[in-house]
N, C-alpha and C. Protein backbone atom coordinates (compact mmCIF):
# COMPACT_ATOMS: atom_id res chain seq x y z
N UNK A 1 -9.42 -9.47 -20.50
CA UNK A 1 -8.81 -10.07 -19.31
C UNK A 1 -7.35 -9.61 -19.17
N UNK A 2 -6.64 -9.57 -20.29
CA UNK A 2 -5.23 -9.23 -20.24
C UNK A 2 -5.00 -7.83 -19.66
N UNK A 3 -5.91 -6.89 -19.96
CA UNK A 3 -5.76 -5.52 -19.47
C UNK A 3 -6.05 -5.43 -17.97
N UNK A 4 -6.81 -6.38 -17.44
CA UNK A 4 -7.13 -6.33 -16.02
C UNK A 4 -6.06 -6.97 -15.15
N UNK A 5 -5.17 -7.74 -15.74
CA UNK A 5 -4.12 -8.42 -14.95
C UNK A 5 -3.24 -7.42 -14.19
N UNK A 6 -2.74 -6.35 -14.82
CA UNK A 6 -1.94 -5.39 -14.05
C UNK A 6 -2.71 -4.78 -12.88
N UNK A 7 -4.00 -4.50 -13.06
CA UNK A 7 -4.81 -3.96 -11.96
C UNK A 7 -4.92 -4.97 -10.83
N UNK A 8 -5.11 -6.21 -11.18
CA UNK A 8 -5.22 -7.26 -10.18
C UNK A 8 -3.91 -7.41 -9.41
N UNK A 9 -2.81 -7.54 -10.16
CA UNK A 9 -1.50 -7.80 -9.55
C UNK A 9 -0.97 -6.60 -8.78
N UNK A 10 -1.08 -5.42 -9.35
CA UNK A 10 -0.41 -4.25 -8.77
C UNK A 10 -1.28 -3.37 -7.88
N UNK A 11 -2.59 -3.55 -7.93
CA UNK A 11 -3.46 -2.71 -7.12
C UNK A 11 -4.29 -3.55 -6.15
N UNK A 12 -5.07 -4.48 -6.67
CA UNK A 12 -5.97 -5.26 -5.83
C UNK A 12 -5.23 -6.18 -4.86
N UNK A 13 -4.21 -6.88 -5.33
CA UNK A 13 -3.47 -7.79 -4.44
C UNK A 13 -2.77 -7.04 -3.30
N UNK A 14 -2.01 -5.96 -3.59
CA UNK A 14 -1.39 -5.24 -2.47
C UNK A 14 -2.40 -4.67 -1.47
N UNK A 15 -3.52 -4.12 -1.97
CA UNK A 15 -4.53 -3.59 -1.06
C UNK A 15 -5.16 -4.70 -0.23
N UNK A 16 -5.40 -5.85 -0.83
CA UNK A 16 -5.97 -6.98 -0.10
C UNK A 16 -5.00 -7.52 0.94
N UNK A 17 -3.73 -7.62 0.57
CA UNK A 17 -2.71 -8.05 1.53
C UNK A 17 -2.62 -7.07 2.70
N UNK A 18 -2.64 -5.78 2.38
CA UNK A 18 -2.58 -4.76 3.43
C UNK A 18 -3.76 -4.83 4.37
N UNK A 19 -4.97 -4.98 3.81
CA UNK A 19 -6.16 -5.09 4.65
C UNK A 19 -6.09 -6.36 5.50
N UNK A 20 -5.68 -7.47 4.89
CA UNK A 20 -5.55 -8.72 5.64
C UNK A 20 -4.53 -8.60 6.76
N UNK A 21 -3.41 -7.97 6.46
CA UNK A 21 -2.37 -7.78 7.49
C UNK A 21 -2.91 -6.90 8.61
N UNK A 22 -3.59 -5.82 8.24
CA UNK A 22 -4.15 -4.91 9.24
C UNK A 22 -5.14 -5.64 10.13
N UNK A 23 -6.03 -6.41 9.52
CA UNK A 23 -7.03 -7.14 10.30
C UNK A 23 -6.40 -8.20 11.19
N UNK A 24 -5.33 -8.82 10.71
CA UNK A 24 -4.71 -9.90 11.46
C UNK A 24 -3.80 -9.41 12.58
N UNK A 25 -3.07 -8.34 12.33
CA UNK A 25 -1.99 -7.98 13.25
C UNK A 25 -2.09 -6.61 13.92
N UNK A 26 -2.89 -5.71 13.39
CA UNK A 26 -2.90 -4.36 13.92
C UNK A 26 -4.13 -4.10 14.77
N UNK A 27 -4.10 -3.03 15.51
CA UNK A 27 -5.23 -2.64 16.34
C UNK A 27 -6.41 -2.23 15.48
N UNK A 28 -7.59 -2.63 15.89
CA UNK A 28 -8.79 -2.24 15.17
C UNK A 28 -9.43 -1.01 15.81
N UNK A 29 -8.62 -0.21 16.50
CA UNK A 29 -9.12 1.01 17.12
C UNK A 29 -9.44 2.09 16.09
N UNK A 30 -8.97 1.91 14.88
CA UNK A 30 -9.26 2.86 13.82
C UNK A 30 -10.77 2.81 13.57
N UNK A 31 -11.46 3.95 13.69
CA UNK A 31 -12.92 3.95 13.59
C UNK A 31 -13.48 3.26 12.35
N UNK A 32 -12.81 3.44 11.21
CA UNK A 32 -13.35 2.86 9.98
C UNK A 32 -13.26 1.32 9.98
N UNK A 33 -12.38 0.76 10.81
CA UNK A 33 -12.22 -0.70 10.86
C UNK A 33 -12.78 -1.33 12.14
N UNK A 34 -13.22 -0.54 13.08
CA UNK A 34 -13.65 -1.06 14.39
C UNK A 34 -14.76 -2.10 14.26
N UNK A 35 -15.69 -1.91 13.36
CA UNK A 35 -16.81 -2.83 13.20
C UNK A 35 -16.36 -4.21 12.73
N UNK A 36 -15.21 -4.29 12.06
CA UNK A 36 -14.74 -5.57 11.53
C UNK A 36 -14.36 -6.55 12.63
N UNK A 37 -14.00 -6.03 13.80
CA UNK A 37 -13.65 -6.90 14.92
C UNK A 37 -14.80 -7.74 15.41
N UNK A 38 -16.02 -7.39 15.02
CA UNK A 38 -17.20 -8.14 15.44
C UNK A 38 -17.56 -9.27 14.46
N UNK A 39 -16.85 -9.38 13.38
CA UNK A 39 -17.10 -10.45 12.40
C UNK A 39 -16.36 -11.69 12.86
N UNK A 40 -17.05 -12.81 12.90
CA UNK A 40 -16.49 -14.04 13.46
C UNK A 40 -15.20 -14.48 12.76
N UNK A 41 -15.15 -14.39 11.45
CA UNK A 41 -13.95 -14.80 10.72
C UNK A 41 -12.77 -13.92 11.12
N UNK A 42 -13.01 -12.63 11.28
CA UNK A 42 -11.95 -11.71 11.67
C UNK A 42 -11.49 -12.01 13.10
N UNK A 43 -12.44 -12.29 13.99
CA UNK A 43 -12.09 -12.65 15.37
C UNK A 43 -11.21 -13.89 15.40
N UNK A 44 -11.55 -14.90 14.61
CA UNK A 44 -10.76 -16.14 14.55
C UNK A 44 -9.37 -15.86 14.00
N UNK A 45 -9.30 -15.11 12.91
CA UNK A 45 -8.01 -14.75 12.31
C UNK A 45 -7.14 -14.01 13.31
N UNK A 46 -7.71 -13.05 14.00
CA UNK A 46 -6.94 -12.27 14.97
C UNK A 46 -6.49 -13.13 16.15
N UNK A 47 -7.33 -14.02 16.62
CA UNK A 47 -6.97 -14.87 17.75
C UNK A 47 -5.75 -15.73 17.41
N UNK A 48 -5.69 -16.18 16.17
CA UNK A 48 -4.57 -17.04 15.76
C UNK A 48 -3.33 -16.26 15.38
N UNK A 49 -3.51 -15.07 14.86
CA UNK A 49 -2.36 -14.33 14.35
C UNK A 49 -1.71 -13.39 15.36
N UNK A 50 -2.46 -12.91 16.34
CA UNK A 50 -1.89 -11.94 17.27
C UNK A 50 -0.73 -12.50 18.09
N UNK A 51 -0.66 -13.83 18.21
CA UNK A 51 0.47 -14.42 18.93
C UNK A 51 1.77 -14.26 18.14
N UNK A 52 1.68 -13.99 16.86
CA UNK A 52 2.87 -13.81 16.03
C UNK A 52 3.43 -12.39 16.09
N UNK A 53 2.64 -11.43 16.57
CA UNK A 53 3.05 -10.03 16.56
C UNK A 53 4.41 -9.80 17.22
N UNK A 54 4.68 -10.37 18.41
CA UNK A 54 6.00 -10.13 19.00
C UNK A 54 7.15 -10.67 18.15
N UNK A 55 6.87 -11.62 17.26
CA UNK A 55 7.91 -12.21 16.42
C UNK A 55 8.17 -11.41 15.15
N UNK A 56 7.24 -10.53 14.81
CA UNK A 56 7.41 -9.72 13.60
C UNK A 56 8.40 -8.60 13.86
N UNK A 57 9.28 -8.33 12.89
CA UNK A 57 10.15 -7.15 13.04
C UNK A 57 9.28 -5.90 13.16
N UNK A 58 9.73 -4.96 13.97
CA UNK A 58 8.93 -3.76 14.22
C UNK A 58 8.58 -3.01 12.92
N UNK A 59 9.54 -2.92 12.00
CA UNK A 59 9.29 -2.25 10.73
C UNK A 59 8.11 -2.90 10.00
N UNK A 60 8.06 -4.22 10.01
CA UNK A 60 6.97 -4.92 9.32
C UNK A 60 5.65 -4.61 10.00
N UNK A 61 5.61 -4.70 11.31
CA UNK A 61 4.36 -4.46 12.02
C UNK A 61 3.90 -3.00 11.89
N UNK A 62 4.85 -2.08 11.87
CA UNK A 62 4.49 -0.66 11.85
C UNK A 62 4.25 -0.11 10.45
N UNK A 63 4.98 -0.58 9.44
CA UNK A 63 5.00 0.12 8.16
C UNK A 63 4.63 -0.72 6.94
N UNK A 64 4.40 -1.99 7.10
CA UNK A 64 4.10 -2.87 5.97
C UNK A 64 2.85 -2.42 5.22
N UNK A 65 1.80 -2.11 5.95
CA UNK A 65 0.53 -1.70 5.33
C UNK A 65 0.71 -0.36 4.60
N UNK A 66 1.44 0.57 5.18
CA UNK A 66 1.69 1.85 4.51
C UNK A 66 2.44 1.64 3.20
N UNK A 67 3.43 0.76 3.22
CA UNK A 67 4.20 0.47 2.01
C UNK A 67 3.33 -0.16 0.93
N UNK A 68 2.48 -1.11 1.32
CA UNK A 68 1.58 -1.73 0.34
C UNK A 68 0.58 -0.73 -0.23
N UNK A 69 0.06 0.14 0.62
CA UNK A 69 -0.89 1.16 0.16
C UNK A 69 -0.21 2.13 -0.81
N UNK A 70 1.01 2.53 -0.49
CA UNK A 70 1.76 3.43 -1.36
C UNK A 70 2.06 2.75 -2.70
N UNK A 71 2.44 1.48 -2.65
CA UNK A 71 2.69 0.71 -3.88
C UNK A 71 1.43 0.71 -4.75
N UNK A 72 0.28 0.39 -4.15
CA UNK A 72 -0.97 0.31 -4.90
C UNK A 72 -1.36 1.68 -5.48
N UNK A 73 -1.14 2.75 -4.72
CA UNK A 73 -1.45 4.09 -5.22
C UNK A 73 -0.56 4.44 -6.41
N UNK A 74 0.73 4.20 -6.27
CA UNK A 74 1.65 4.47 -7.38
C UNK A 74 1.29 3.66 -8.62
N UNK A 75 0.94 2.40 -8.40
CA UNK A 75 0.56 1.52 -9.52
C UNK A 75 -0.73 2.00 -10.17
N UNK A 76 -1.72 2.33 -9.35
CA UNK A 76 -3.02 2.76 -9.89
C UNK A 76 -2.86 4.04 -10.73
N UNK A 77 -2.14 5.01 -10.21
CA UNK A 77 -1.95 6.25 -10.96
C UNK A 77 -1.15 6.02 -12.24
N UNK A 78 -0.18 5.11 -12.17
CA UNK A 78 0.60 4.78 -13.35
C UNK A 78 -0.27 4.12 -14.41
N UNK A 79 -1.18 3.26 -13.99
CA UNK A 79 -2.08 2.59 -14.93
C UNK A 79 -3.14 3.54 -15.49
N UNK A 80 -3.67 4.41 -14.65
CA UNK A 80 -4.70 5.35 -15.10
C UNK A 80 -4.13 6.35 -16.11
N UNK A 81 -2.97 6.90 -15.82
CA UNK A 81 -2.41 7.98 -16.63
C UNK A 81 -1.31 7.51 -17.57
N UNK A 82 -1.26 6.23 -17.89
CA UNK A 82 -0.16 5.68 -18.68
C UNK A 82 -0.01 6.33 -20.06
N UNK A 83 -1.09 6.77 -20.67
CA UNK A 83 -1.02 7.33 -22.01
C UNK A 83 -1.05 8.86 -22.01
N UNK A 84 -1.10 9.47 -20.85
CA UNK A 84 -1.22 10.92 -20.75
C UNK A 84 0.15 11.58 -20.79
N UNK A 85 0.24 12.71 -21.48
CA UNK A 85 1.52 13.42 -21.55
C UNK A 85 1.92 14.00 -20.20
N UNK A 86 0.94 14.29 -19.35
CA UNK A 86 1.22 14.84 -18.02
C UNK A 86 1.35 13.75 -16.97
N UNK A 87 1.66 12.56 -17.38
CA UNK A 87 1.75 11.41 -16.47
C UNK A 87 2.67 11.68 -15.28
N UNK A 88 3.82 12.27 -15.55
CA UNK A 88 4.78 12.53 -14.46
C UNK A 88 4.20 13.47 -13.41
N UNK A 89 3.43 14.46 -13.85
CA UNK A 89 2.81 15.37 -12.89
C UNK A 89 1.82 14.63 -11.98
N UNK A 90 1.03 13.77 -12.59
CA UNK A 90 0.07 13.00 -11.80
C UNK A 90 0.79 12.08 -10.81
N UNK A 91 1.86 11.44 -11.28
CA UNK A 91 2.61 10.54 -10.40
C UNK A 91 3.28 11.32 -9.26
N UNK A 92 3.85 12.48 -9.57
CA UNK A 92 4.46 13.30 -8.51
C UNK A 92 3.40 13.82 -7.55
N UNK A 93 2.24 14.17 -8.07
CA UNK A 93 1.14 14.60 -7.21
C UNK A 93 0.70 13.50 -6.26
N UNK A 94 0.59 12.29 -6.76
CA UNK A 94 0.23 11.15 -5.91
C UNK A 94 1.29 10.88 -4.85
N UNK A 95 2.55 11.02 -5.25
CA UNK A 95 3.67 10.85 -4.32
C UNK A 95 3.55 11.88 -3.18
N UNK A 96 3.26 13.13 -3.56
CA UNK A 96 3.11 14.20 -2.56
C UNK A 96 1.94 13.93 -1.63
N UNK A 97 0.84 13.42 -2.18
CA UNK A 97 -0.33 13.10 -1.35
C UNK A 97 0.00 11.98 -0.37
N UNK A 98 0.66 10.92 -0.86
CA UNK A 98 1.00 9.79 0.01
C UNK A 98 1.91 10.24 1.15
N UNK A 99 2.94 10.99 0.82
CA UNK A 99 3.86 11.48 1.87
C UNK A 99 3.17 12.51 2.75
N UNK A 100 2.38 13.38 2.15
CA UNK A 100 1.68 14.40 2.91
C UNK A 100 0.72 13.81 3.92
N UNK A 101 0.05 12.73 3.53
CA UNK A 101 -0.87 12.07 4.44
C UNK A 101 -0.14 11.57 5.69
N UNK A 102 1.07 11.09 5.50
CA UNK A 102 1.86 10.64 6.65
C UNK A 102 2.31 11.84 7.49
N UNK A 103 2.77 12.89 6.85
CA UNK A 103 3.30 14.04 7.59
C UNK A 103 2.23 14.81 8.35
N UNK A 104 0.98 14.82 7.89
CA UNK A 104 -0.04 15.53 8.66
C UNK A 104 -0.45 14.77 9.91
N UNK A 105 0.02 13.55 10.05
CA UNK A 105 -0.21 12.82 11.29
C UNK A 105 0.78 13.23 12.37
N UNK A 106 1.87 13.87 11.97
CA UNK A 106 2.90 14.27 12.92
C UNK A 106 2.37 15.28 13.93
N UNK A 107 1.75 16.37 13.50
CA UNK A 107 1.24 17.33 14.50
C UNK A 107 -0.18 16.99 14.96
N UNK A 108 -0.62 15.77 14.70
CA UNK A 108 -1.98 15.33 15.06
C UNK A 108 -3.05 16.12 14.33
N UNK A 109 -2.75 16.58 13.12
CA UNK A 109 -3.75 17.27 12.31
C UNK A 109 -4.88 16.31 11.91
N UNK A 110 -4.51 15.04 11.71
CA UNK A 110 -5.49 13.98 11.48
C UNK A 110 -5.13 12.82 12.40
N UNK A 111 -6.11 11.96 12.73
CA UNK A 111 -5.79 10.82 13.59
C UNK A 111 -4.80 9.88 12.91
N UNK A 112 -3.91 9.37 13.68
CA UNK A 112 -2.91 8.44 13.16
C UNK A 112 -1.61 8.61 13.91
N UNK A 113 -0.66 7.76 13.59
CA UNK A 113 0.64 7.80 14.24
C UNK A 113 1.70 8.03 13.17
N UNK A 114 2.38 9.16 13.26
CA UNK A 114 3.46 9.45 12.33
C UNK A 114 4.63 8.51 12.61
N UNK A 115 5.29 8.06 11.56
CA UNK A 115 6.47 7.22 11.74
C UNK A 115 7.45 7.42 10.61
N UNK A 116 8.72 7.57 10.97
CA UNK A 116 9.75 7.71 9.94
C UNK A 116 9.87 6.44 9.12
N UNK A 117 9.62 5.28 9.72
CA UNK A 117 9.66 4.05 8.94
C UNK A 117 8.51 4.02 7.92
N UNK A 118 7.39 4.64 8.26
CA UNK A 118 6.29 4.76 7.30
C UNK A 118 6.72 5.63 6.11
N UNK A 119 7.41 6.73 6.41
CA UNK A 119 7.90 7.62 5.35
C UNK A 119 8.85 6.86 4.43
N UNK A 120 9.75 6.08 5.01
CA UNK A 120 10.70 5.30 4.21
C UNK A 120 9.95 4.28 3.35
N UNK A 121 8.95 3.61 3.94
CA UNK A 121 8.17 2.63 3.17
C UNK A 121 7.47 3.30 2.00
N UNK A 122 6.92 4.48 2.22
CA UNK A 122 6.23 5.21 1.15
C UNK A 122 7.23 5.66 0.08
N UNK A 123 8.37 6.20 0.53
CA UNK A 123 9.40 6.66 -0.42
C UNK A 123 9.87 5.53 -1.32
N UNK A 124 9.95 4.31 -0.81
CA UNK A 124 10.43 3.17 -1.60
C UNK A 124 9.33 2.51 -2.42
N UNK A 125 8.18 2.31 -1.81
CA UNK A 125 7.15 1.48 -2.44
C UNK A 125 6.31 2.22 -3.48
N UNK A 126 6.07 3.50 -3.31
CA UNK A 126 5.27 4.25 -4.30
C UNK A 126 5.93 4.21 -5.68
N UNK A 127 7.21 4.60 -5.80
CA UNK A 127 7.81 4.54 -7.14
C UNK A 127 7.94 3.12 -7.67
N UNK A 128 8.15 2.15 -6.78
CA UNK A 128 8.23 0.76 -7.23
C UNK A 128 6.91 0.33 -7.87
N UNK A 129 5.81 0.68 -7.24
CA UNK A 129 4.50 0.36 -7.81
C UNK A 129 4.29 1.05 -9.15
N UNK A 130 4.65 2.32 -9.22
CA UNK A 130 4.48 3.08 -10.47
C UNK A 130 5.32 2.49 -11.60
N UNK A 131 6.55 2.12 -11.30
CA UNK A 131 7.45 1.58 -12.32
C UNK A 131 7.00 0.20 -12.77
N UNK A 132 6.76 -0.69 -11.82
CA UNK A 132 6.38 -2.06 -12.19
C UNK A 132 5.03 -2.11 -12.91
N UNK A 133 4.07 -1.34 -12.45
CA UNK A 133 2.76 -1.33 -13.11
C UNK A 133 2.88 -0.69 -14.49
N UNK A 134 3.66 0.36 -14.61
CA UNK A 134 3.86 0.99 -15.91
C UNK A 134 4.51 0.06 -16.91
N UNK A 135 5.45 -0.75 -16.46
CA UNK A 135 6.09 -1.73 -17.34
C UNK A 135 5.16 -2.87 -17.68
N UNK A 136 4.24 -3.21 -16.78
CA UNK A 136 3.38 -4.37 -16.99
C UNK A 136 2.36 -4.13 -18.09
N UNK A 137 2.07 -2.86 -18.39
CA UNK A 137 1.10 -2.55 -19.44
C UNK A 137 1.68 -2.88 -20.81
N UNK A 138 2.95 -2.64 -20.99
CA UNK A 138 3.56 -2.86 -22.29
C UNK A 138 4.06 -4.28 -22.47
N UNK A 139 4.31 -4.97 -21.39
CA UNK A 139 4.77 -6.36 -21.50
C UNK A 139 4.32 -7.14 -20.28
N UNK A 140 3.85 -8.33 -20.51
CA UNK A 140 3.46 -9.20 -19.41
C UNK A 140 4.12 -10.53 -19.58
N UNK A 141 4.82 -11.05 -18.57
CA UNK A 141 5.06 -10.45 -17.26
C UNK A 141 5.97 -9.24 -17.35
N UNK A 142 5.91 -8.35 -16.34
CA UNK A 142 6.71 -7.12 -16.42
C UNK A 142 8.21 -7.42 -16.40
N UNK A 143 8.94 -6.60 -17.13
CA UNK A 143 10.40 -6.72 -17.13
C UNK A 143 10.92 -6.05 -15.88
N UNK A 144 11.82 -6.69 -15.19
CA UNK A 144 12.34 -6.14 -13.95
C UNK A 144 13.43 -5.10 -14.23
N UNK A 145 14.21 -5.29 -15.27
CA UNK A 145 15.25 -4.35 -15.59
C UNK A 145 15.12 -3.96 -17.07
N UNK A 146 15.39 -2.71 -17.39
CA UNK A 146 15.30 -2.33 -18.81
C UNK A 146 16.37 -3.05 -19.61
N UNK A 147 16.01 -3.43 -20.82
CA UNK A 147 16.99 -4.12 -21.66
C UNK A 147 17.97 -3.09 -22.21
N UNK A 148 19.22 -3.49 -22.27
CA UNK A 148 20.24 -2.54 -22.60
C UNK A 148 20.64 -2.55 -23.99
């Protein structure tokens, strides 16, 4: 159980929050999520939450899910490769993939909307996830600052 706590806290919770936020506040025009709009619980959640959208700061509405996804990716790679000597390469590769996925939306190479706030969210949240999850393996609860 103890080994699964970092996965739960640093990967599953952020992904679940991101999915919940997306279902509650964002457009379901994304083909992979379009079918979810037909689920009664999702319809009820959206009916109650969409009135809050104008009150949310634009950065939150536009980039919160990207930041949570980047956090979870950084955390997952940090947990998977924690004992590997090439850990930094894997983490940098994941960072490049996360940022690259955002940048290929710029020229419409893939469906999506490029946003500089998304890039900022990824730049901040990916390493945060990698650092916090990496620290959580050696000590629980994770230390926020290295001891001096």
